[in-house]
Amino acid sequence: MPLVTIDAGPNRSAAVLRAIADGVHDALVAAIGIPPGDRFQIIGTRGTGELIFDPTYLGIERHDVVFIRITLVAGRTDERKKALYRRIVANLEEKAGVRREDVVITLTENSPVDWSVGNGVASLVD
């Protein structure tokens, strides 16, 4: 059960933000096998000057960065994580017109007991 947070600059329309969100979700389903109905996303835009990034870090030329943070239960192999990154950037390029150079993705892993998605219980273990 991933929780996805997406932050983009102020020039992204609601339709583009939805396409970004759909592209990330579709990649999670295809690359790491989450169920299609397991969708929890926080999507927002930031004002001018609220997204700070190095435009050439590691030799990648960035213009209009989209930050994607994914929190999920640990257990995926490095290869599946790399496949997820590739699928996300391919989807965002195709579905939302986002340059692959402008996509920054981080994964944060935790354990099943770290999740409560309602009723005040550890949803993945109770």
Protein backbone atom coordinates (compact mmCIF):
# COMPACT_ATOMS: atom_id res chain seq x y z
CA MET A 1 0.00 0.00 0.00
CA PRO A 2 1.97 2.98 -1.23
CA LEU A 3 1.32 6.58 -0.28
CA VAL A 4 2.39 8.89 -3.11
CA THR A 5 3.08 12.61 -2.79
CA ILE A 6 3.55 14.60 -5.99
CA ASP A 7 4.72 18.22 -6.04
CA ALA A 8 4.93 20.23 -9.25
CA GLY A 9 5.45 23.84 -10.24
CA PRO A 10 2.61 26.33 -10.65
CA ASN A 11 2.40 25.99 -14.44
CA ARG A 12 0.99 22.42 -14.42
CA SER A 13 -2.73 22.31 -15.19
CA ALA A 14 -5.22 20.14 -13.31
CA ALA A 15 -5.40 17.82 -16.33
CA VAL A 16 -1.61 17.44 -16.42
CA LEU A 17 -1.47 16.83 -12.67
CA ARG A 18 -4.10 14.09 -13.05
CA ALA A 19 -2.11 12.55 -15.93
CA ILE A 20 1.01 12.59 -13.74
CA ALA A 21 -0.89 10.93 -10.88
CA ASP A 22 -2.35 8.32 -13.25
CA GLY A 23 1.08 7.64 -14.73
CA VAL A 24 2.63 7.08 -11.32
CA HIS A 25 -0.21 4.80 -10.23
CA ASP A 26 -0.12 2.79 -13.46
CA ALA A 27 3.64 2.29 -12.99
CA LEU A 28 3.15 1.07 -9.41
CA VAL A 29 0.59 -1.48 -10.62
CA ALA A 30 2.73 -2.66 -13.54
CA ALA A 31 6.23 -2.57 -12.03
CA ILE A 32 5.72 -3.67 -8.44
CA GLY A 33 2.33 -5.33 -8.57
CA ILE A 34 0.15 -3.26 -6.27
CA PRO A 35 -3.59 -3.86 -6.73
CA PRO A 36 -5.25 -1.34 -9.08
CA GLY A 37 -7.59 -0.17 -6.30
CA ASP A 38 -4.73 0.53 -3.88
CA ARG A 39 -4.45 4.23 -4.69
CA PHE A 40 -3.56 6.90 -2.13
CA GLN A 41 -2.04 10.09 -3.55
CA ILE A 42 -1.44 13.66 -2.41
CA ILE A 43 -0.97 16.01 -5.35
CA GLY A 44 -0.07 19.66 -5.19
CA THR A 45 1.50 22.56 -6.95
CA ARG A 46 4.02 24.90 -5.45
CA GLY A 47 4.39 28.59 -6.15
CA THR A 48 7.30 30.24 -7.84
CA GLY A 49 10.42 29.72 -5.75
CA GLU A 50 8.93 26.93 -3.61
CA LEU A 51 10.64 24.09 -5.47
CA ILE A 52 14.39 24.35 -5.27
CA PHE A 53 16.59 21.98 -7.23
CA ASP A 54 20.02 21.89 -8.82
CA PRO A 55 19.45 22.28 -12.57
CA THR A 56 22.47 20.14 -13.52
CA TYR A 57 23.11 17.75 -10.60
CA LEU A 58 24.79 14.52 -11.82
CA GLY A 59 24.90 15.96 -15.34
CA ILE A 60 21.12 15.92 -15.86
CA GLU A 61 19.62 19.15 -17.21
CA ARG A 62 16.41 19.95 -15.29
CA HIS A 63 13.91 22.69 -16.14
CA ASP A 64 10.55 22.13 -14.45
CA VAL A 65 10.95 19.40 -11.84
CA VAL A 66 8.18 17.12 -10.62
CA PHE A 67 9.01 15.61 -7.22
CA ILE A 68 7.49 12.19 -6.49
CA ARG A 69 7.79 10.67 -3.03
CA ILE A 70 6.56 7.12 -2.55
CA THR A 71 6.23 5.56 0.89
CA LEU A 72 5.65 1.81 0.82
CA VAL A 73 6.16 -1.41 2.75
CA ALA A 74 9.70 -2.74 2.33
CA GLY A 75 10.45 -5.86 0.36
CA ARG A 76 10.93 -5.03 -3.32
CA THR A 77 14.17 -5.95 -5.03
CA ASP A 78 16.50 -3.31 -6.41
CA GLU A 79 15.57 -4.47 -9.93
CA ARG A 80 11.85 -3.93 -9.30
CA LYS A 81 12.57 -0.47 -7.90
CA LYS A 82 14.64 0.41 -10.97
CA ALA A 83 11.85 -0.90 -13.21
CA LEU A 84 9.42 1.33 -11.29
CA TYR A 85 11.58 4.42 -11.92
CA ARG A 86 11.81 3.61 -15.64
CA ARG A 87 8.06 3.00 -15.92
CA ILE A 88 7.18 6.22 -14.08
CA VAL A 89 9.30 8.44 -16.33
CA ALA A 90 8.05 6.67 -19.47
CA ASN A 91 4.43 7.12 -18.36
CA LEU A 92 4.88 10.77 -17.42
CA GLU A 93 6.59 11.55 -20.70
CA GLU A 94 3.85 9.80 -22.69
CA LYS A 95 0.74 10.72 -20.67
CA ALA A 96 1.62 14.16 -19.30
CA GLY A 97 4.38 15.55 -21.52
CA VAL A 98 6.85 15.71 -18.61
CA ARG A 99 10.49 15.50 -19.61
CA ARG A 100 12.15 12.45 -18.09
CA GLU A 101 15.00 14.69 -16.94
CA ASP A 102 12.52 16.62 -14.80
CA VAL A 103 11.25 13.66 -12.76
CA VAL A 104 12.79 13.19 -9.29
CA ILE A 105 11.61 10.07 -7.44
CA THR A 106 12.35 8.92 -3.90
CA LEU A 107 11.20 5.74 -2.17
CA THR A 108 10.85 5.46 1.59
CA GLU A 109 10.25 1.99 2.96
CA ASN A 110 8.70 0.95 6.23
CA SER A 111 7.01 -2.11 7.79
CA PRO A 112 3.36 -3.24 7.76
CA VAL A 113 2.78 -2.08 11.35
CA ASP A 114 3.56 1.49 10.25
CA TRP A 115 0.24 1.81 8.39
CA SER A 116 -3.20 2.75 9.63
CA VAL A 117 -5.63 3.55 6.85
CA GLY A 118 -8.75 3.81 8.95
CA ASN A 119 -10.45 2.75 12.16
CA GLY A 120 -7.32 3.43 14.23
CA VAL A 121 -5.85 -0.01 13.65
CA ALA A 122 -2.59 -1.21 12.11
CA SER A 123 -4.43 -2.02 8.92
CA LEU A 124 -1.87 -4.35 7.35
CA VAL A 125 -1.32 -6.52 10.44
CA ASP A 126 -4.57 -6.44 12.49
